[in-house]
């Protein structure tokens, strides 16, 4: 109970402080001191903390995409091994904060939870399914550029679930923004068969390639549905039990580990593909890239949760939209991935529609 009050008090304080930043800025600009408010010296640590979290999101998540694509180029079937490694790494990093010594036994035990284990278990199944499908899709001829855009298109699903299950209502501008995002996803999906920016030759896929690509797109659609369901479950959990994102990060990763027993063959194959029989330096480089992916994944997850606990959901969504746009640019520039006008227009529609929706939420608040 005390930990719950501390968490709630800490989150409220962070959000109150971030809300007061604009108030003080306005008062300063108007030449009036802020009465009974927080001084600039008091606000400085909070501002630094917010920008630190923002740097973790932009730097960590973008770097994670670069390492992620490098691993996929080494082995397109590394998805299961990569997902397992991420879950294990983040679980082990968070574990010390959630164990305590026991008076009745010499072995440590997990601390009391703020949220019942059944609440986390359902979210674990949904999140792990979505994560695995995301990482498997690349093996089905879905380029990373399309994967990035698909991951940015969760708003239509969230809006649909919010309308059906949570009785939310949306403004006309928000609906138009979602229509723009949906049309953008359709364009991006069909861009696989469009002409490349470097030539005028049509990329005609064989029936076998088209079938694999369709399966990959189907995986991404199901992954989007999982994302929408997970967001709805998390919103209900935090509304009922208060802010407990650290506990969520730990249990969402820790409870997923038993699932990978059924994927042990895929995990062994994926990790084995990083071992080179010709050169030990190549093996070290491969595992170095894997460790870089795990470290940046931890940085990205921590940054997103830290930012969301300090600023509004609108500000967090703007930061995430900008991050995904940067990731797409890095993917095209660094790895020279295929790019065409249709993909560019579709990606712009997705990112612009997401940003427009977010700004409309800030003004109207109907969808929140």
Protein backbone atom coordinates (compact mmCIF):
# COMPACT_ATOMS: atom_id res chain seq x y z
CA UNK A 1 0.00 0.00 0.00
CA UNK A 2 2.84 2.38 0.83
CA UNK A 3 4.62 1.61 -2.42
CA UNK A 4 1.39 2.27 -4.31
CA UNK A 5 1.00 5.67 -2.65
CA UNK A 6 4.61 6.53 -3.35
CA UNK A 7 4.25 5.56 -7.01
CA UNK A 8 1.05 7.55 -7.38
CA UNK A 9 2.53 10.57 -5.61
CA UNK A 10 5.72 10.44 -7.71
CA UNK A 11 3.86 10.21 -11.00
CA UNK A 12 1.46 12.99 -10.08
CA UNK A 13 4.33 15.23 -9.06
CA UNK A 14 6.17 14.65 -12.32
CA UNK A 15 3.08 15.42 -14.39
CA UNK A 16 2.25 18.48 -12.27
CA UNK A 17 5.77 19.80 -12.66
CA UNK A 18 5.79 19.25 -16.42
CA UNK A 19 2.44 21.05 -16.64
CA UNK A 20 3.83 24.01 -14.69
CA UNK A 21 6.74 24.50 -17.08
CA UNK A 22 4.51 26.20 -19.63
CA UNK A 23 2.83 28.29 -16.91
CA UNK A 24 6.14 29.64 -15.66
CA UNK A 25 7.33 30.26 -19.21
CA UNK A 26 4.20 32.34 -19.90
CA UNK A 27 4.56 34.28 -16.65
CA UNK A 28 8.21 35.01 -17.34
CA UNK A 29 7.44 36.15 -20.87
CA UNK A 30 4.73 38.47 -19.56
CA UNK A 31 7.16 40.01 -17.10
CA UNK A 32 5.31 38.72 -14.02
CA UNK A 33 6.88 36.50 -11.38
CA UNK A 34 5.10 33.21 -10.76
CA UNK A 35 3.40 33.52 -7.40
CA UNK A 36 3.34 30.43 -5.19
CA UNK A 37 4.85 28.50 -8.08
CA UNK A 38 8.06 26.63 -8.63
CA UNK A 39 11.24 28.53 -9.33
CA UNK A 40 13.45 27.94 -12.36
CA UNK A 41 16.00 26.23 -10.11
CA UNK A 42 13.34 23.84 -8.87
CA UNK A 43 12.17 23.08 -12.38
CA UNK A 44 15.65 22.53 -13.84
CA UNK A 45 16.09 18.92 -12.60
CA UNK A 46 12.64 17.98 -13.91
CA UNK A 47 13.31 19.55 -17.31
CA UNK A 48 16.64 17.72 -17.48
CA UNK A 49 14.89 14.48 -16.52
CA UNK A 50 12.26 14.92 -19.26
CA UNK A 51 14.86 15.69 -21.92
CA UNK A 52 16.92 12.75 -20.69
CA UNK A 53 13.93 10.45 -21.21
CA UNK A 54 13.34 11.98 -24.65
CA UNK A 55 16.98 11.33 -25.57
CA UNK A 56 16.60 7.72 -24.45
CA UNK A 57 13.56 7.33 -26.73
CA UNK A 58 15.08 8.95 -29.81
CA UNK A 59 18.61 7.64 -29.37
CA UNK A 60 17.85 4.21 -27.91
CA UNK A 61 14.97 3.27 -30.19
CA UNK A 62 16.62 4.50 -33.40
CA UNK A 63 19.88 2.70 -32.54
CA UNK A 64 17.85 -0.41 -31.74
CA UNK A 65 16.35 -0.43 -35.25
CA UNK A 66 19.82 -0.28 -36.84
CA UNK A 67 21.08 -3.24 -34.78
CA UNK A 68 17.79 -5.06 -35.38
CA UNK A 69 18.05 -4.77 -39.15
CA UNK A 70 21.70 -5.85 -39.10
CA UNK A 71 20.70 -9.04 -37.26
CA UNK A 72 17.87 -9.71 -39.71
CA UNK A 73 20.27 -9.37 -42.63
CA UNK A 74 22.53 -11.97 -41.00
CA UNK A 75 19.62 -14.39 -40.50
CA UNK A 76 16.02 -13.55 -41.47
CA UNK A 77 14.83 -16.40 -39.21
CA UNK A 78 16.41 -15.04 -36.02
CA UNK A 79 13.06 -13.66 -34.78
CA UNK A 80 12.38 -16.17 -31.99
CA UNK A 81 15.95 -16.04 -30.66
CA UNK A 82 15.92 -12.24 -30.74
CA UNK A 83 12.59 -11.95 -28.92
CA UNK A 84 13.71 -14.46 -26.26
CA UNK A 85 17.02 -12.65 -25.76
CA UNK A 86 15.24 -9.32 -25.29
CA UNK A 87 12.78 -10.76 -22.78
CA UNK A 88 15.55 -12.49 -20.79
CA UNK A 89 17.89 -9.49 -20.81
CA UNK A 90 15.27 -7.00 -19.58
CA UNK A 91 13.98 -9.51 -16.98
CA UNK A 92 17.45 -10.03 -15.52
CA UNK A 93 18.12 -6.28 -15.49
CA UNK A 94 14.86 -5.56 -13.61
CA UNK A 95 14.91 -8.58 -11.27
CA UNK A 96 17.08 -7.08 -8.45
CA UNK A 97 14.48 -4.34 -7.91
CA UNK A 98 11.69 -6.88 -7.35
CA UNK A 99 13.24 -9.40 -4.96
CA UNK A 100 13.70 -9.20 -1.20
CA UNK A 101 15.09 -11.43 1.53
CA UNK A 102 12.71 -13.72 3.38
CA UNK A 103 12.76 -14.41 7.11
CA UNK A 104 11.28 -17.89 6.71
CA UNK A 105 13.79 -19.16 4.16
CA UNK A 106 17.32 -18.45 2.97
CA UNK A 107 16.11 -17.91 -0.56
CA UNK A 108 14.94 -14.46 -1.70
CA UNK A 109 11.35 -13.97 -2.83
CA UNK A 110 9.50 -11.59 -5.10
CA UNK A 111 8.12 -8.45 -3.51
CA UNK A 112 4.40 -7.95 -3.12
CA UNK A 113 2.77 -6.84 -6.36
CA UNK A 114 0.65 -3.79 -6.89
CA UNK A 115 -1.31 -5.58 -9.64
CA UNK A 116 -2.66 -9.18 -9.45
CA UNK A 117 -0.61 -11.70 -11.40
CA UNK A 118 -3.62 -12.66 -13.54
CA UNK A 119 -3.78 -9.11 -14.92
CA UNK A 120 -0.17 -9.29 -16.08
CA UNK A 121 -0.52 -12.85 -17.43
CA UNK A 122 -3.16 -11.87 -19.98
CA UNK A 123 -1.08 -8.91 -21.13
CA UNK A 124 2.00 -11.15 -21.42
CA UNK A 125 0.24 -13.51 -23.84
CA UNK A 126 -0.92 -10.63 -26.04
CA UNK A 127 2.42 -8.75 -25.96
CA UNK A 128 4.57 -11.82 -26.63
CA UNK A 129 2.36 -12.88 -29.54
CA UNK A 130 2.63 -9.43 -31.11
CA UNK A 131 6.40 -9.26 -30.58
CA UNK A 132 7.00 -12.69 -32.12
CA UNK A 133 4.85 -11.91 -35.15
CA UNK A 134 6.73 -8.64 -35.65
CA UNK A 135 10.08 -10.43 -35.66
CA UNK A 136 8.86 -13.33 -37.82
CA UNK A 137 7.39 -11.13 -40.56
CA UNK A 138 10.80 -10.23 -42.00
CA UNK A 139 11.36 -13.88 -42.94
CA UNK A 140 8.24 -13.65 -45.13
CA UNK A 141 9.65 -11.06 -47.56
CA UNK A 142 8.28 -8.01 -45.72
CA UNK A 143 10.95 -5.24 -45.95
CA UNK A 144 11.91 -3.41 -42.76
CA UNK A 145 10.69 -0.11 -44.22
CA UNK A 146 7.17 -1.57 -44.44
CA UNK A 147 7.54 -3.13 -40.98
CA UNK A 148 8.36 0.29 -39.49
CA UNK A 149 5.35 1.96 -41.12
CA UNK A 150 3.04 -0.86 -40.00
CA UNK A 151 4.25 -0.49 -36.42
CA UNK A 152 3.37 3.19 -36.63
CA UNK A 153 -0.21 2.47 -37.71
CA UNK A 154 -1.75 1.24 -34.48
CA UNK A 155 -4.12 4.20 -34.14
CA UNK A 156 -6.98 2.80 -36.27
CA UNK A 157 -7.04 -0.39 -34.17
CA UNK A 158 -6.83 1.54 -30.90
CA UNK A 159 -9.62 3.85 -32.05
CA UNK A 160 -11.86 0.94 -33.08
CA UNK A 161 -11.34 -0.89 -29.77
CA UNK A 162 -11.82 2.34 -27.83
CA UNK A 163 -15.14 2.95 -29.58
CA UNK A 164 -16.45 -0.61 -29.17
CA UNK A 165 -15.18 -1.64 -25.75
CA UNK A 166 -14.46 1.60 -23.87
CA UNK A 167 -17.34 3.71 -25.23
CA UNK A 168 -15.02 6.50 -26.41
CA UNK A 169 -16.19 9.05 -28.93
CA UNK A 170 -14.07 10.83 -31.49
CA UNK A 171 -14.27 14.12 -33.35
CA UNK A 172 -14.58 14.40 -37.13
CA UNK A 173 -10.96 15.54 -37.41
CA UNK A 174 -9.77 12.51 -35.48
CA UNK A 175 -11.79 10.20 -37.73
CA UNK A 176 -10.35 11.87 -40.85
CA UNK A 177 -6.85 11.46 -39.40
CA UNK A 178 -7.46 7.74 -38.88
CA UNK A 179 -8.78 7.38 -42.44
CA UNK A 180 -5.55 9.03 -43.66
CA UNK A 181 -3.45 6.57 -41.62
CA UNK A 182 -5.43 3.61 -42.96
CA UNK A 183 -5.07 4.70 -46.59
CA UNK A 184 -1.36 5.24 -45.96
CA UNK A 185 -0.97 1.68 -44.68
CA UNK A 186 -2.74 0.35 -47.79
CA UNK A 187 -0.39 2.32 -50.06
CA UNK A 188 2.67 1.10 -48.14
CA UNK A 189 1.47 -2.51 -48.32
CA UNK A 190 1.00 -2.30 -52.10
CA UNK A 191 4.33 -0.46 -52.60
CA UNK A 192 6.12 -3.83 -52.66
CA UNK A 193 4.98 -4.23 -56.28
CA UNK A 194 5.57 -0.60 -57.29
CA UNK A 195 8.55 0.58 -59.32
CA UNK A 196 11.77 1.24 -57.44
CA UNK A 197 13.11 4.78 -57.16
CA UNK A 198 16.36 3.68 -58.83
CA UNK A 199 14.76 2.16 -61.91
CA UNK A 200 11.54 1.96 -63.85
CA UNK A 201 11.26 -1.83 -63.79
CA UNK A 202 8.14 -3.26 -62.21
CA UNK A 203 8.82 -5.63 -59.30
CA UNK A 204 6.57 -8.51 -60.34
CA UNK A 205 6.43 -11.15 -57.62
CA UNK A 206 5.96 -14.82 -58.39
CA UNK A 207 2.90 -16.57 -56.92
CA UNK A 208 5.11 -18.16 -54.25
CA UNK A 209 6.65 -14.82 -53.29
CA UNK A 210 3.23 -13.15 -53.25
CA UNK A 211 1.90 -15.89 -50.96
CA UNK A 212 4.80 -15.47 -48.51
CA UNK A 213 4.43 -11.68 -48.61
CA UNK A 214 0.69 -11.98 -47.91
CA UNK A 215 1.41 -14.23 -44.92
CA UNK A 216 3.91 -11.64 -43.62
CA UNK A 217 1.37 -8.83 -44.00
CA UNK A 218 -1.19 -11.00 -42.23
CA UNK A 219 1.26 -11.39 -39.35
CA UNK A 220 1.65 -7.62 -39.14
CA UNK A 221 -2.13 -7.11 -39.11
CA UNK A 222 -2.54 -9.59 -36.24
CA UNK A 223 0.37 -7.85 -34.47
CA UNK A 224 -1.47 -4.53 -34.80
CA UNK A 225 -4.57 -6.12 -33.27
CA UNK A 226 -2.41 -7.37 -30.39
CA UNK A 227 -1.04 -3.85 -29.92
CA UNK A 228 -4.57 -2.44 -29.72
CA UNK A 229 -5.69 -5.09 -27.22
CA UNK A 230 -2.56 -4.56 -25.12
CA UNK A 231 -3.08 -0.79 -25.01
CA UNK A 232 -6.67 -1.27 -23.86
CA UNK A 233 -5.63 -3.77 -21.15
CA UNK A 234 -2.84 -1.49 -19.90
CA UNK A 235 -5.15 1.52 -19.79
CA UNK A 236 -7.64 -0.40 -17.65
CA UNK A 237 -4.88 -1.74 -15.38
CA UNK A 238 -3.27 1.65 -14.71
CA UNK A 239 -6.66 3.27 -14.22
CA UNK A 240 -7.61 0.70 -11.58
CA UNK A 241 -4.29 0.12 -9.80
CA UNK A 242 -2.45 3.39 -10.40
CA UNK A 243 0.87 4.06 -12.17
CA UNK A 244 3.07 0.97 -11.90
CA UNK A 245 4.99 0.90 -15.16
CA UNK A 246 8.20 -0.50 -13.61
CA UNK A 247 6.27 -3.49 -12.31
CA UNK A 248 4.64 -3.82 -15.71
CA UNK A 249 7.96 -3.81 -17.58
CA UNK A 250 9.35 -6.53 -15.29
CA UNK A 251 6.39 -8.90 -15.25
CA UNK A 252 5.59 -8.42 -18.94
CA UNK A 253 9.08 -9.74 -19.75
CA UNK A 254 9.63 -12.16 -16.87
CA UNK A 255 6.34 -14.04 -17.24
CA UNK A 256 6.88 -14.46 -20.99
CA UNK A 257 9.99 -16.64 -20.58
CA UNK A 258 8.18 -20.01 -20.10
CA UNK A 259 6.46 -19.50 -23.48
CA UNK A 260 9.79 -19.88 -25.25
CA UNK A 261 10.16 -23.49 -24.11
CA UNK A 262 7.96 -24.33 -27.10
CA UNK A 263 10.31 -22.38 -29.40
CA UNK A 264 13.60 -23.85 -28.17
CA UNK A 265 14.46 -25.23 -31.61
CA UNK A 266 14.05 -21.83 -33.28
CA UNK A 267 16.04 -20.14 -30.50
CA UNK A 268 18.90 -22.61 -30.83
CA UNK A 269 18.95 -22.15 -34.61
CA UNK A 270 18.91 -18.36 -34.32
CA UNK A 271 21.72 -18.10 -31.77
CA UNK A 272 23.72 -20.77 -33.59
CA UNK A 273 23.61 -18.73 -36.80
CA UNK A 274 25.65 -16.02 -35.06
CA UNK A 275 28.54 -18.44 -34.54
CA UNK A 276 31.04 -18.42 -37.40
CA UNK A 277 33.18 -21.52 -37.97
CA UNK A 278 35.66 -19.52 -40.06
CA UNK A 279 36.56 -16.61 -37.78
CA UNK A 280 36.21 -15.94 -34.06
CA UNK A 281 36.25 -12.20 -34.72
CA UNK A 282 33.14 -12.57 -36.90
CA UNK A 283 31.42 -14.44 -34.08
CA UNK A 284 32.36 -11.74 -31.57
CA UNK A 285 31.08 -9.06 -33.95
CA UNK A 286 27.75 -10.90 -34.39
CA UNK A 287 27.19 -11.29 -30.66
CA UNK A 288 28.33 -7.69 -30.16
CA UNK A 289 25.54 -6.55 -32.49
CA UNK A 290 23.10 -8.75 -30.56
CA UNK A 291 24.20 -7.23 -27.25
CA UNK A 292 23.87 -3.76 -28.79
CA UNK A 293 20.30 -4.60 -29.78
CA UNK A 294 19.50 -5.81 -26.25
CA UNK A 295 21.06 -2.77 -24.57
CA UNK A 296 19.30 -0.29 -26.87
CA UNK A 297 16.01 -2.20 -26.44
CA UNK A 298 16.30 -1.74 -22.68
CA UNK A 299 17.13 1.94 -23.19
CA UNK A 300 14.17 2.35 -25.55
CA UNK A 301 11.64 0.59 -23.29
CA UNK A 302 12.85 2.48 -20.21
CA UNK A 303 12.79 5.79 -22.06
CA UNK A 304 9.24 5.34 -23.36
CA UNK A 305 7.88 4.36 -19.93
CA UNK A 306 9.86 7.08 -18.18
CA UNK A 307 8.64 9.73 -20.61
CA UNK A 308 5.01 8.60 -20.37
CA UNK A 309 5.16 8.90 -16.58
CA UNK A 310 6.39 12.51 -16.76
CA UNK A 311 4.47 14.11 -19.63
CA UNK A 312 1.04 13.75 -21.17
CA UNK A 313 0.16 10.87 -23.50
CA UNK A 314 -0.12 13.44 -26.31
CA UNK A 315 3.51 14.50 -25.89
CA UNK A 316 4.61 10.87 -25.69
CA UNK A 317 2.79 10.00 -28.92
CA UNK A 318 4.41 12.95 -30.72
CA UNK A 319 7.85 11.77 -29.58
CA UNK A 320 7.16 8.19 -30.69
CA UNK A 321 5.87 9.32 -34.09
CA UNK A 322 9.02 11.38 -34.63
CA UNK A 323 11.16 8.43 -33.52
CA UNK A 324 9.54 6.06 -36.02
CA UNK A 325 9.94 8.57 -38.84
CA UNK A 326 13.65 8.90 -38.00
CA UNK A 327 13.99 5.11 -37.89
CA UNK A 328 12.49 4.85 -41.37
CA UNK A 329 14.91 7.48 -42.70
CA UNK A 330 17.88 5.71 -41.10
CA UNK A 331 16.79 2.38 -42.57
CA UNK A 332 16.64 3.79 -46.10
CA UNK A 333 19.85 5.82 -45.78
CA UNK A 334 22.07 3.41 -43.82
CA UNK A 335 21.10 0.09 -45.40
CA UNK A 336 20.02 1.40 -48.81
CA UNK A 337 16.60 -0.23 -48.61
CA UNK A 338 14.24 0.01 -51.55
CA UNK A 339 12.30 3.24 -51.72
CA UNK A 340 9.68 4.41 -54.17
CA UNK A 341 7.18 7.22 -54.46
CA UNK A 342 4.26 5.08 -53.32
CA UNK A 343 6.09 4.01 -50.15
CA UNK A 344 7.11 7.62 -49.46
CA UNK A 345 3.56 8.95 -49.90
CA UNK A 346 2.09 6.15 -47.77
CA UNK A 347 4.63 6.68 -44.99
CA UNK A 348 3.94 10.42 -45.00
CA UNK A 349 0.19 9.78 -44.74
CA UNK A 350 0.72 7.44 -41.77
CA UNK A 351 3.03 9.79 -39.86
CA UNK A 352 1.07 12.95 -40.69
CA UNK A 353 -2.24 11.28 -39.82
CA UNK A 354 -0.83 10.03 -36.49
CA UNK A 355 0.48 13.50 -35.64
CA UNK A 356 -2.79 15.15 -36.67
CA UNK A 357 -4.78 12.73 -34.51
CA UNK A 358 -2.52 13.39 -31.53
CA UNK A 359 -2.83 17.15 -31.85
CA UNK A 360 -6.63 16.87 -32.17
CA UNK A 361 -6.72 14.84 -28.95
CA UNK A 362 -4.78 17.66 -27.26
CA UNK A 363 -7.33 20.25 -28.45
CA UNK A 364 -10.58 18.37 -28.10
CA UNK A 365 -9.86 15.55 -25.67
CA UNK A 366 -12.73 13.37 -26.92
CA UNK A 367 -10.62 10.39 -27.67
CA UNK A 368 -8.87 10.35 -24.35
